[in-house]
Amino acid sequence: MLGIDVVSIERVRLLLESSPGLEKRLFTAAERAYCHSQRDPALSFAGTLAAKEAVIKALRLGPLVAWARRVEITRDPSGAPHALVEGRGVEVSISHDAGVAVAAALALPGPYAP
């Protein structure tokens, strides 16, 4: 199954600035550390959020609030993103352009481990 999501980078920036607790509710400690290590954390948070939503859609899991911290977006040494959902790997791709972050997730049938 394929999942796709688009997130406004500026909207994420404003939400994180106005609701400091939101970052901990939506992102794991590793995701927060990665995003804060980047030149523009809001851009990275938006891409990570889009990837989480795309994974949730691909796996038909339900609402973001129930799955946000159970879906973790990691990066390999080259920077390529990967998703883990309770031990299951899901292929993801993230891109940023024109003020938005877009992500696609492909959940293949059967067990997959990155």
PDB file of N, CA and C in Angstrom:
ATOM      1  N   MET A   1       0.844  -1.178   0.000  1.00  0.00           N
ATOM      2  CA  MET A   1       0.000   0.000   0.000  1.00  0.00           C
ATOM      3  C   MET A   1       0.888   1.239   0.000  1.00  0.00           C
ATOM      4  N   LEU A   2       0.430   2.285  -0.671  1.00  0.00           N
ATOM      5  CA  LEU A   2       1.160   3.542  -0.794  1.00  0.00           C
ATOM      6  C   LEU A   2       0.485   4.618   0.050  1.00  0.00           C
ATOM      7  N   GLY A   3       1.296   5.402   0.748  1.00  0.00           N
ATOM      8  CA  GLY A   3       0.793   6.543   1.506  1.00  0.00           C
ATOM      9  C   GLY A   3       1.579   7.780   1.122  1.00  0.00           C
ATOM     10  N   ILE A   4       0.906   8.918   0.988  1.00  0.00           N
ATOM     11  CA  ILE A   4       1.544  10.185   0.625  1.00  0.00           C
ATOM     12  C   ILE A   4       1.004  11.274   1.540  1.00  0.00           C
ATOM     13  N   ASP A   5       1.884  12.218   1.919  1.00  0.00           N
ATOM     14  CA  ASP A   5       1.423  13.334   2.734  1.00  0.00           C
ATOM     15  C   ASP A   5       2.237  14.580   2.405  1.00  0.00           C
ATOM     16  N   VAL A   6       1.611  15.745   2.542  1.00  0.00           N
ATOM     17  CA  VAL A   6       2.245  17.043   2.312  1.00  0.00           C
ATOM     18  C   VAL A   6       2.035  17.887   3.563  1.00  0.00           C
ATOM     19  N   VAL A   7       3.106  18.576   4.004  1.00  0.00           N
ATOM     20  CA  VAL A   7       3.048  19.397   5.213  1.00  0.00           C
ATOM     21  C   VAL A   7       3.667  20.761   4.920  1.00  0.00           C
ATOM     22  N   SER A   8       3.008  21.810   5.368  1.00  0.00           N
ATOM     23  CA  SER A   8       3.540  23.168   5.237  1.00  0.00           C
ATOM     24  C   SER A   8       4.671  23.362   6.246  1.00  0.00           C
ATOM     25  N   ILE A   9       5.840  23.743   5.768  1.00  0.00           N
ATOM     26  CA  ILE A   9       6.982  23.949   6.663  1.00  0.00           C
ATOM     27  C   ILE A   9       6.710  25.114   7.606  1.00  0.00           C
ATOM     28  N   GLU A  10       6.158  26.199   7.094  1.00  0.00           N
ATOM     29  CA  GLU A  10       5.881  27.367   7.937  1.00  0.00           C
ATOM     30  C   GLU A  10       4.831  27.042   9.002  1.00  0.00           C
ATOM     31  N   ARG A  11       3.837  26.258   8.642  1.00  0.00           N
ATOM     32  CA  ARG A  11       2.822  25.867   9.631  1.00  0.00           C
ATOM     33  C   ARG A  11       3.449  25.064  10.763  1.00  0.00           C
ATOM     34  N   VAL A  12       4.343  24.144  10.426  1.00  0.00           N
ATOM     35  CA  VAL A  12       5.036  23.363  11.463  1.00  0.00           C
ATOM     36  C   VAL A  12       5.887  24.290  12.322  1.00  0.00           C
ATOM     37  N   ARG A  13       6.596  25.215  11.699  1.00  0.00           N
ATOM     38  CA  ARG A  13       7.425  26.162  12.447  1.00  0.00           C
ATOM     39  C   ARG A  13       6.574  26.934  13.466  1.00  0.00           C
ATOM     40  N   LEU A  14       5.435  27.464  13.016  1.00  0.00           N
ATOM     41  CA  LEU A  14       4.567  28.246  13.897  1.00  0.00           C
ATOM     42  C   LEU A  14       3.953  27.379  15.003  1.00  0.00           C
ATOM     43  N   LEU A  15       3.530  26.160  14.660  1.00  0.00           N
ATOM     44  CA  LEU A  15       2.950  25.268  15.667  1.00  0.00           C
ATOM     45  C   LEU A  15       3.957  24.900  16.748  1.00  0.00           C
ATOM     46  N   LEU A  16       5.192  24.601  16.347  1.00  0.00           N
ATOM     47  CA  LEU A  16       6.209  24.225  17.329  1.00  0.00           C
ATOM     48  C   LEU A  16       6.614  25.402  18.205  1.00  0.00           C
ATOM     49  N   GLU A  17       6.603  26.614  17.629  1.00  0.00           N
ATOM     50  CA  GLU A  17       6.921  27.809  18.420  1.00  0.00           C
ATOM     51  C   GLU A  17       5.810  28.138  19.406  1.00  0.00           C
ATOM     52  N   SER A  18       4.562  27.965  19.007  1.00  0.00           N
ATOM     53  CA  SER A  18       3.443  28.345  19.869  1.00  0.00           C
ATOM     54  C   SER A  18       3.038  27.247  20.856  1.00  0.00           C
ATOM     55  N   SER A  19       3.410  26.013  20.576  1.00  0.00           N
ATOM     56  CA  SER A  19       3.067  24.885  21.453  1.00  0.00           C
ATOM     57  C   SER A  19       4.308  24.042  21.720  1.00  0.00           C
ATOM     58  N   PRO A  20       5.157  24.462  22.662  1.00  0.00           N
ATOM     59  CA  PRO A  20       6.420  23.760  22.905  1.00  0.00           C
ATOM     60  C   PRO A  20       6.261  22.269  23.234  1.00  0.00           C
ATOM     61  N   GLY A  21       5.184  21.877  23.869  1.00  0.00           N
ATOM     62  CA  GLY A  21       4.975  20.472  24.213  1.00  0.00           C
ATOM     63  C   GLY A  21       4.630  19.593  23.025  1.00  0.00           C
ATOM     64  N   LEU A  22       4.222  20.216  21.930  1.00  0.00           N
ATOM     65  CA  LEU A  22       3.828  19.468  20.742  1.00  0.00           C
ATOM     66  C   LEU A  22       4.982  18.635  20.185  1.00  0.00           C
ATOM     67  N   GLU A  23       6.171  19.183  20.247  1.00  0.00           N
ATOM     68  CA  GLU A  23       7.349  18.472  19.732  1.00  0.00           C
ATOM     69  C   GLU A  23       7.522  17.117  20.417  1.00  0.00           C
ATOM     70  N   LYS A  24       7.377  17.065  21.715  1.00  0.00           N
ATOM     71  CA  LYS A  24       7.535  15.802  22.443  1.00  0.00           C
ATOM     72  C   LYS A  24       6.367  14.851  22.219  1.00  0.00           C
ATOM     73  N   ARG A  25       5.190  15.396  21.919  1.00  0.00           N
ATOM     74  CA  ARG A  25       4.026  14.534  21.674  1.00  0.00           C
ATOM     75  C   ARG A  25       4.066  13.882  20.291  1.00  0.00           C
ATOM     76  N   LEU A  26       4.696  14.551  19.326  1.00  0.00           N
ATOM     77  CA  LEU A  26       4.698  14.044  17.954  1.00  0.00           C
ATOM     78  C   LEU A  26       5.965  13.302  17.543  1.00  0.00           C
ATOM     79  N   PHE A  27       7.092  13.596  18.199  1.00  0.00           N
ATOM     80  CA  PHE A  27       8.369  13.072  17.739  1.00  0.00           C
ATOM     81  C   PHE A  27       9.117  12.335  18.845  1.00  0.00           C
ATOM     82  N   THR A  28       9.821  11.285  18.460  1.00  0.00           N
ATOM     83  CA  THR A  28      10.639  10.535  19.423  1.00  0.00           C
ATOM     84  C   THR A  28      11.878  11.353  19.765  1.00  0.00           C
ATOM     85  N   ALA A  29      12.581  10.953  20.811  1.00  0.00           N
ATOM     86  CA  ALA A  29      13.805  11.652  21.212  1.00  0.00           C
ATOM     87  C   ALA A  29      14.832  11.641  20.084  1.00  0.00           C
ATOM     88  N   ALA A  30      14.967  10.518  19.403  1.00  0.00           N
ATOM     89  CA  ALA A  30      15.937  10.424  18.298  1.00  0.00           C
ATOM     90  C   ALA A  30      15.548  11.348  17.146  1.00  0.00           C
ATOM     91  N   GLU A  31      14.264  11.427  16.845  1.00  0.00           N
ATOM     92  CA  GLU A  31      13.809  12.322  15.774  1.00  0.00           C
ATOM     93  C   GLU A  31      14.070  13.776  16.145  1.00  0.00           C
ATOM     94  N   ARG A  32      13.795  14.135  17.396  1.00  0.00           N
ATOM     95  CA  ARG A  32      14.028  15.510  17.839  1.00  0.00           C
ATOM     96  C   ARG A  32      15.507  15.851  17.763  1.00  0.00           C
ATOM     97  N   ALA A  33      16.361  14.924  18.187  1.00  0.00           N
ATOM     98  CA  ALA A  33      17.811  15.167  18.135  1.00  0.00           C
ATOM     99  C   ALA A  33      18.267  15.371  16.694  1.00  0.00           C
ATOM    100  N   TYR A  34      17.782  14.525  15.786  1.00  0.00           N
ATOM    101  CA  TYR A  34      18.152  14.668  14.375  1.00  0.00           C
ATOM    102  C   TYR A  34      17.697  16.025  13.835  1.00  0.00           C
ATOM    103  N   CYS A  35      16.437  16.360  14.027  1.00  0.00           N
ATOM    104  CA  CYS A  35      15.899  17.606  13.466  1.00  0.00           C
ATOM    105  C   CYS A  35      16.626  18.825  14.021  1.00  0.00           C
ATOM    106  N   HIS A  36      16.924  18.823  15.314  1.00  0.00           N
ATOM    107  CA  HIS A  36      17.629  19.964  15.912  1.00  0.00           C
ATOM    108  C   HIS A  36      19.077  20.049  15.454  1.00  0.00           C
ATOM    109  N   SER A  37      19.638  18.962  14.936  1.00  0.00           N
ATOM    110  CA  SER A  37      21.018  18.985  14.450  1.00  0.00           C
ATOM    111  C   SER A  37      21.119  19.557  13.032  1.00  0.00           C
ATOM    112  N   GLN A  38      19.985  19.783  12.395  1.00  0.00           N
ATOM    113  CA  GLN A  38      19.959  20.289  11.024  1.00  0.00           C
ATOM    114  C   GLN A  38      19.943  21.816  11.000  1.00  0.00           C
ATOM    115  N   ARG A  39      20.330  22.385   9.855  1.00  0.00           N
ATOM    116  CA  ARG A  39      20.398  23.841   9.707  1.00  0.00           C
ATOM    117  C   ARG A  39      19.049  24.514   9.975  1.00  0.00           C
ATOM    118  N   ASP A  40      17.968  23.928   9.485  1.00  0.00           N
ATOM    119  CA  ASP A  40      16.616  24.465   9.691  1.00  0.00           C
ATOM    120  C   ASP A  40      15.764  23.367  10.315  1.00  0.00           C
ATOM    121  N   PRO A  41      15.690  23.322  11.644  1.00  0.00           N
ATOM    122  CA  PRO A  41      14.934  22.252  12.302  1.00  0.00           C
ATOM    123  C   PRO A  41      13.483  22.148  11.840  1.00  0.00           C
ATOM    124  N   ALA A  42      12.816  23.260  11.585  1.00  0.00           N
ATOM    125  CA  ALA A  42      11.408  23.211  11.168  1.00  0.00           C
ATOM    126  C   ALA A  42      11.253  22.466   9.847  1.00  0.00           C
ATOM    127  N   LEU A  43      12.184  22.645   8.933  1.00  0.00           N
ATOM    128  CA  LEU A  43      12.148  21.936   7.663  1.00  0.00           C
ATOM    129  C   LEU A  43      12.255  20.426   7.905  1.00  0.00           C
ATOM    130  N   SER A  44      13.160  20.039   8.801  1.00  0.00           N
ATOM    131  CA  SER A  44      13.334  18.612   9.114  1.00  0.00           C
ATOM    132  C   SER A  44      12.144  18.049   9.871  1.00  0.00           C
ATOM    133  N   PHE A  45      11.590  18.827  10.797  1.00  0.00           N
ATOM    134  CA  PHE A  45      10.393  18.371  11.507  1.00  0.00           C
ATOM    135  C   PHE A  45       9.229  18.187  10.534  1.00  0.00           C
ATOM    136  N   ALA A  46       9.078  19.104   9.582  1.00  0.00           N
ATOM    137  CA  ALA A  46       7.986  19.000   8.609  1.00  0.00           C
ATOM    138  C   ALA A  46       8.155  17.744   7.748  1.00  0.00           C
ATOM    139  N   GLY A  47       9.361  17.469   7.295  1.00  0.00           N
ATOM    140  CA  GLY A  47       9.607  16.268   6.505  1.00  0.00           C
ATOM    141  C   GLY A  47       9.369  15.001   7.298  1.00  0.00           C
ATOM    142  N   THR A  48       9.802  15.013   8.549  1.00  0.00           N
ATOM    143  CA  THR A  48       9.600  13.855   9.418  1.00  0.00           C
ATOM    144  C   THR A  48       8.116  13.641   9.683  1.00  0.00           C
ATOM    145  N   LEU A  49       7.389  14.730   9.914  1.00  0.00           N
ATOM    146  CA  LEU A  49       5.951  14.617  10.148  1.00  0.00           C
ATOM    147  C   LEU A  49       5.232  14.100   8.901  1.00  0.00           C
ATOM    148  N   ALA A  50       5.611  14.607   7.730  1.00  0.00           N
ATOM    149  CA  ALA A  50       5.002  14.124   6.488  1.00  0.00           C
ATOM    150  C   ALA A  50       5.277  12.627   6.310  1.00  0.00           C
ATOM    151  N   ALA A  51       6.495  12.196   6.646  1.00  0.00           N
ATOM    152  CA  ALA A  51       6.833  10.774   6.523  1.00  0.00           C
ATOM    153  C   ALA A  51       6.002   9.925   7.478  1.00  0.00           C
ATOM    154  N   LYS A  52       5.835  10.400   8.723  1.00  0.00           N
ATOM    155  CA  LYS A  52       5.008   9.660   9.687  1.00  0.00           C
ATOM    156  C   LYS A  52       3.577   9.504   9.162  1.00  0.00           C
ATOM    157  N   GLU A  53       3.014  10.602   8.664  1.00  0.00           N
ATOM    158  CA  GLU A  53       1.645  10.562   8.143  1.00  0.00           C
ATOM    159  C   GLU A  53       1.546   9.625   6.939  1.00  0.00           C
ATOM    160  N   ALA A  54       2.551   9.659   6.059  1.00  0.00           N
ATOM    161  CA  ALA A  54       2.539   8.779   4.888  1.00  0.00           C
ATOM    162  C   ALA A  54       2.583   7.310   5.320  1.00  0.00           C
ATOM    163  N   VAL A  55       3.385   7.001   6.325  1.00  0.00           N
ATOM    164  CA  VAL A  55       3.475   5.626   6.841  1.00  0.00           C
ATOM    165  C   VAL A  55       2.138   5.209   7.448  1.00  0.00           C
ATOM    166  N   ILE A  56       1.548   6.091   8.237  1.00  0.00           N
ATOM    167  CA  ILE A  56       0.259   5.795   8.867  1.00  0.00           C
ATOM    168  C   ILE A  56      -0.796   5.514   7.789  1.00  0.00           C
ATOM    169  N   LYS A  57      -0.775   6.283   6.715  1.00  0.00           N
ATOM    170  CA  LYS A  57      -1.725   6.059   5.620  1.00  0.00           C
ATOM    171  C   LYS A  57      -1.436   4.752   4.891  1.00  0.00           C
ATOM    172  N   ALA A  58      -0.154   4.476   4.613  1.00  0.00           N
ATOM    173  CA  ALA A  58       0.208   3.253   3.884  1.00  0.00           C
ATOM    174  C   ALA A  58      -0.187   2.000   4.654  1.00  0.00           C
ATOM    175  N   LEU A  59      -0.047   2.047   5.976  1.00  0.00           N
ATOM    176  CA  LEU A  59      -0.382   0.886   6.804  1.00  0.00           C
ATOM    177  C   LEU A  59      -1.816   0.920   7.320  1.00  0.00           C
ATOM    178  N   ARG A  60      -2.531   2.019   7.000  1.00  0.00           N
ATOM    179  CA  ARG A  60      -3.927   2.184   7.454  1.00  0.00           C
ATOM    180  C   ARG A  60      -4.054   2.013   8.969  1.00  0.00           C
ATOM    181  N   LEU A  61      -3.225   2.770   9.685  1.00  0.00           N
ATOM    182  CA  LEU A  61      -3.154   2.605  11.131  1.00  0.00           C
ATOM    183  C   LEU A  61      -4.206   3.387  11.902  1.00  0.00           C
ATOM    184  N   GLY A  62      -4.568   4.560  11.451  1.00  0.00           N
ATOM    185  CA  GLY A  62      -5.535   5.372  12.192  1.00  0.00           C
ATOM    186  C   GLY A  62      -5.020   6.778  12.386  1.00  0.00           C
ATOM    187  N   PRO A  63      -5.477   7.477  13.419  1.00  0.00           N
ATOM    188  CA  PRO A  63      -5.126   8.884  13.601  1.00  0.00           C
ATOM    189  C   PRO A  63      -3.675   9.091  14.037  1.00  0.00           C
ATOM    190  N   LEU A  64      -3.122  10.224  13.604  1.00  0.00           N
ATOM    191  CA  LEU A  64      -1.747  10.583  13.952  1.00  0.00           C
ATOM    192  C   LEU A  64      -1.520  10.577  15.454  1.00  0.00           C
ATOM    193  N   VAL A  65      -2.450  11.136  16.216  1.00  0.00           N
ATOM    194  CA  VAL A  65      -2.248  11.241  17.665  1.00  0.00           C
ATOM    195  C   VAL A  65      -2.027   9.877  18.319  1.00  0.00           C
ATOM    196  N   ALA A  66      -2.606   8.834  17.766  1.00  0.00           N
ATOM    197  CA  ALA A  66      -2.444   7.498  18.338  1.00  0.00           C
ATOM    198  C   ALA A  66      -1.132   6.847  17.911  1.00  0.00           C
ATOM    199  N   TRP A  67      -0.545   7.287  16.790  1.00  0.00           N
ATOM    200  CA  TRP A  67       0.607   6.597  16.220  1.00  0.00           C
ATOM    201  C   TRP A  67       1.873   7.443  16.123  1.00  0.00           C
ATOM    202  N   ALA A  68       1.800   8.734  16.408  1.00  0.00           N
ATOM    203  CA  ALA A  68       2.923   9.640  16.168  1.00  0.00           C
ATOM    204  C   ALA A  68       4.247   9.141  16.751  1.00  0.00           C
ATOM    205  N   ARG A  69       4.246   8.685  17.983  1.00  0.00           N
ATOM    206  CA  ARG A  69       5.505   8.252  18.599  1.00  0.00           C
ATOM    207  C   ARG A  69       5.758   6.758  18.420  1.00  0.00           C
ATOM    208  N   ARG A  70       4.819   6.035  17.827  1.00  0.00           N
ATOM    209  CA  ARG A  70       5.018   4.613  17.554  1.00  0.00           C
ATOM    210  C   ARG A  70       5.587   4.395  16.154  1.00  0.00           C
ATOM    211  N   VAL A  71       5.542   5.436  15.338  1.00  0.00           N
ATOM    212  CA  VAL A  71       6.190   5.431  14.026  1.00  0.00           C
ATOM    213  C   VAL A  71       7.449   6.275  14.189  1.00  0.00           C
ATOM    214  N   GLU A  72       8.607   5.689  13.924  1.00  0.00           N
ATOM    215  CA  GLU A  72       9.859   6.443  14.062  1.00  0.00           C
ATOM    216  C   GLU A  72      10.550   6.536  12.714  1.00  0.00           C
ATOM    217  N   ILE A  73      10.924   7.764  12.351  1.00  0.00           N
ATOM    218  CA  ILE A  73      11.649   8.003  11.118  1.00  0.00           C
ATOM    219  C   ILE A  73      13.130   8.112  11.487  1.00  0.00           C
ATOM    220  N   THR A  74      13.940   7.230  10.897  1.00  0.00           N
ATOM    221  CA  THR A  74      15.377   7.232  11.146  1.00  0.00           C
ATOM    222  C   THR A  74      16.087   7.606   9.844  1.00  0.00           C
ATOM    223  N   ARG A  75      17.355   7.903   9.958  1.00  0.00           N
ATOM    224  CA  ARG A  75      18.173   8.181   8.771  1.00  0.00           C
ATOM    225  C   ARG A  75      19.403   7.295   8.815  1.00  0.00           C
ATOM    226  N   ASP A  76      19.769   6.741   7.652  1.00  0.00           N
ATOM    227  CA  ASP A  76      20.991   5.950   7.616  1.00  0.00           C
ATOM    228  C   ASP A  76      22.177   6.909   7.451  1.00  0.00           C
ATOM    229  N   PRO A  77      23.409   6.404   7.480  1.00  0.00           N
ATOM    230  CA  PRO A  77      24.566   7.299   7.406  1.00  0.00           C
ATOM    231  C   PRO A  77      24.584   8.222   6.180  1.00  0.00           C
ATOM    232  N   SER A  78      23.962   7.811   5.096  1.00  0.00           N
ATOM    233  CA  SER A  78      23.914   8.671   3.908  1.00  0.00           C
ATOM    234  C   SER A  78      22.836   9.751   4.018  1.00  0.00           C
ATOM    235  N   GLY A  79      21.980   9.645   5.040  1.00  0.00           N
ATOM    236  CA  GLY A  79      20.891  10.594   5.221  1.00  0.00           C
ATOM    237  C   GLY A  79      19.555  10.095   4.706  1.00  0.00           C
ATOM    238  N   ALA A  80      19.539   8.928   4.072  1.00  0.00           N
ATOM    239  CA  ALA A  80      18.285   8.381   3.535  1.00  0.00           C
ATOM    240  C   ALA A  80      17.346   8.012   4.680  1.00  0.00           C
ATOM    241  N   PRO A  81      16.075   8.404   4.568  1.00  0.00           N
ATOM    242  CA  PRO A  81      15.121   8.105   5.639  1.00  0.00           C
ATOM    243  C   PRO A  81      14.585   6.682   5.563  1.00  0.00           C
ATOM    244  N   HIS A  82      14.232   6.164   6.721  1.00  0.00           N
ATOM    245  CA  HIS A  82      13.583   4.857   6.861  1.00  0.00           C
ATOM    246  C   HIS A  82      12.555   4.998   7.968  1.00  0.00           C
ATOM    247  N   ALA A  83      11.540   4.175   7.945  1.00  0.00           N
ATOM    248  CA  ALA A  83      10.526   4.209   8.998  1.00  0.00           C
ATOM    249  C   ALA A  83      10.477   2.867   9.694  1.00  0.00           C
ATOM    250  N   LEU A  84      10.271   2.926  10.992  1.00  0.00           N
ATOM    251  CA  LEU A  84      10.061   1.726  11.793  1.00  0.00           C
ATOM    252  C   LEU A  84       8.747   1.877  12.541  1.00  0.00           C
ATOM    253  N   VAL A  85       7.919   0.843  12.440  1.00  0.00           N
ATOM    254  CA  VAL A  85       6.638   0.825  13.138  1.00  0.00           C
ATOM    255  C   VAL A  85       6.581  -0.484  13.904  1.00  0.00           C
ATOM    256  N   GLU A  86       6.812  -0.375  15.211  1.00  0.00           N
ATOM    257  CA  GLU A  86       6.769  -1.558  16.072  1.00  0.00           C
ATOM    258  C   GLU A  86       7.569  -2.717  15.474  1.00  0.00           C
ATOM    259  N   GLY A  87       8.802  -2.414  15.052  1.00  0.00           N
ATOM    260  CA  GLY A  87       9.699  -3.432  14.526  1.00  0.00           C
ATOM    261  C   GLY A  87       9.592  -3.701  13.041  1.00  0.00           C
ATOM    262  N   ARG A  88       8.590  -3.165  12.397  1.00  0.00           N
ATOM    263  CA  ARG A  88       8.418  -3.373  10.954  1.00  0.00           C
ATOM    264  C   ARG A  88       8.976  -2.181  10.191  1.00  0.00           C
ATOM    265  N   GLY A  89       9.788  -2.451   9.179  1.00  0.00           N
ATOM    266  CA  GLY A  89      10.338  -1.394   8.357  1.00  0.00           C
ATOM    267  C   GLY A  89       9.410  -1.031   7.219  1.00  0.00           C
ATOM    268  N   VAL A  90       9.391   0.238   6.880  1.00  0.00           N
ATOM    269  CA  VAL A  90       8.583   0.739   5.774  1.00  0.00           C
ATOM    270  C   VAL A  90       9.472   1.680   4.961  1.00  0.00           C
ATOM    271  N   GLU A  91       9.464   1.509   3.649  1.00  0.00           N
ATOM    272  CA  GLU A  91      10.247   2.384   2.770  1.00  0.00           C
ATOM    273  C   GLU A  91       9.604   3.763   2.717  1.00  0.00           C
ATOM    274  N   VAL A  92      10.430   4.821   2.873  1.00  0.00           N
ATOM    275  CA  VAL A  92       9.923   6.192   2.791  1.00  0.00           C
ATOM    276  C   VAL A  92      10.860   7.059   1.953  1.00  0.00           C
ATOM    277  N   SER A  93      10.292   8.102   1.398  1.00  0.00           N
ATOM    278  CA  SER A  93      11.052   9.118   0.687  1.00  0.00           C
ATOM    279  C   SER A  93      10.508  10.471   1.114  1.00  0.00           C
ATOM    280  N   ILE A  94      11.399  11.432   1.358  1.00  0.00           N
ATOM    281  CA  ILE A  94      11.014  12.771   1.806  1.00  0.00           C
ATOM    282  C   ILE A  94      11.638  13.791   0.865  1.00  0.00           C
ATOM    283  N   SER A  95      10.875  14.828   0.515  1.00  0.00           N
ATOM    284  CA  SER A  95      11.395  15.915  -0.297  1.00  0.00           C
ATOM    285  C   SER A  95      10.832  17.236   0.212  1.00  0.00           C
ATOM    286  N   HIS A  96      11.551  18.316  -0.053  1.00  0.00           N
ATOM    287  CA  HIS A  96      11.136  19.661   0.361  1.00  0.00           C
ATOM    288  C   HIS A  96      11.256  20.592  -0.836  1.00  0.00           C
ATOM    289  N   ASP A  97      10.231  21.426  -1.044  1.00  0.00           N
ATOM    290  CA  ASP A  97      10.286  22.417  -2.113  1.00  0.00           C
ATOM    291  C   ASP A  97       9.134  23.399  -1.940  1.00  0.00           C
ATOM    292  N   ALA A  98       9.370  24.632  -2.282  1.00  0.00           N
ATOM    293  CA  ALA A  98       8.334  25.668  -2.315  1.00  0.00           C
ATOM    294  C   ALA A  98       7.532  25.762  -1.017  1.00  0.00           C
ATOM    295  N   GLY A  99       8.221  25.623   0.118  1.00  0.00           N
ATOM    296  CA  GLY A  99       7.556  25.797   1.401  1.00  0.00           C
ATOM    297  C   GLY A  99       6.798  24.599   1.928  1.00  0.00           C
ATOM    298  N   VAL A 100       6.916  23.463   1.258  1.00  0.00           N
ATOM    299  CA  VAL A 100       6.241  22.259   1.736  1.00  0.00           C
ATOM    300  C   VAL A 100       7.224  21.089   1.814  1.00  0.00           C
ATOM    301  N   ALA A 101       6.885  20.158   2.672  1.00  0.00           N
ATOM    302  CA  ALA A 101       7.584  18.881   2.748  1.00  0.00           C
ATOM    303  C   ALA A 101       6.592  17.832   2.277  1.00  0.00           C
ATOM    304  N   VAL A 102       7.053  16.922   1.449  1.00  0.00           N
ATOM    305  CA  VAL A 102       6.200  15.849   0.956  1.00  0.00           C
ATOM    306  C   VAL A 102       6.906  14.530   1.233  1.00  0.00           C
ATOM    307  N   ALA A 103       6.128  13.519   1.559  1.00  0.00           N
ATOM    308  CA  ALA A 103       6.702  12.199   1.808  1.00  0.00           C
ATOM    309  C   ALA A 103       5.797  11.128   1.218  1.00  0.00           C
ATOM    310  N   ALA A 104       6.441  10.063   0.808  1.00  0.00           N
ATOM    311  CA  ALA A 104       5.728   8.893   0.315  1.00  0.00           C
ATOM    312  C   ALA A 104       6.239   7.689   1.083  1.00  0.00           C
ATOM    313  N   ALA A 105       5.349   6.773   1.394  1.00  0.00           N
ATOM    314  CA  ALA A 105       5.709   5.538   2.103  1.00  0.00           C
ATOM    315  C   ALA A 105       5.142   4.359   1.333  1.00  0.00           C
ATOM    316  N   LEU A 106       5.949   3.313   1.221  1.00  0.00           N
ATOM    317  CA  LEU A 106       5.519   2.116   0.530  1.00  0.00           C
ATOM    318  C   LEU A 106       5.616   0.938   1.499  1.00  0.00           C
ATOM    319  N   ALA A 107       4.466   0.401   1.843  1.00  0.00           N
ATOM    320  CA  ALA A 107       4.405  -0.752   2.737  1.00  0.00           C
ATOM    321  C   ALA A 107       4.220  -1.994   1.881  1.00  0.00           C
ATOM    322  N   LEU A 108       5.256  -2.806   1.814  1.00  0.00           N
ATOM    323  CA  LEU A 108       5.192  -4.026   1.027  1.00  0.00           C
ATOM    324  C   LEU A 108       4.553  -5.138   1.845  1.00  0.00           C
ATOM    325  N   PRO A 109       3.886  -6.082   1.218  1.00  0.00           N
ATOM    326  CA  PRO A 109       3.278  -7.174   1.975  1.00  0.00           C
ATOM    327  C   PRO A 109       4.346  -8.032   2.644  1.00  0.00           C
ATOM    328  N   GLY A 110       4.015  -8.543   3.801  1.00  0.00           N
ATOM    329  CA  GLY A 110       4.937  -9.424   4.528  1.00  0.00           C
ATOM    330  C   GLY A 110       5.908  -8.632   5.378  1.00  0.00           C
ATOM    331  N   PRO A 111       6.682  -9.336   6.181  1.00  0.00           N
ATOM    332  CA  PRO A 111       7.630  -8.655   7.078  1.00  0.00           C
ATOM    333  C   PRO A 111       8.784  -8.042   6.291  1.00  0.00           C
ATOM    334  N   TYR A 112       9.201  -6.888   6.706  1.00  0.00           N
ATOM    335  CA  TYR A 112      10.327  -6.214   6.093  1.00  0.00           C
ATOM    336  C   TYR A 112      11.167  -5.628   7.216  1.00  0.00           C
ATOM    337  N   ALA A 113      12.437  -5.807   7.147  1.00  0.00           N
ATOM    338  CA  ALA A 113      13.343  -5.203   8.125  1.00  0.00           C
ATOM    339  C   ALA A 113      14.453  -4.513   7.369  1.00  0.00           C
ATOM    340  N   PRO A 114      14.694  -3.225   7.670  1.00  0.00           N
ATOM    341  CA  PRO A 114      15.722  -2.486   6.959  1.00  0.00           C
ATOM    342  C   PRO A 114      17.118  -3.024   7.235  1.00  0.00           C
TER     343      PRO A 114
END
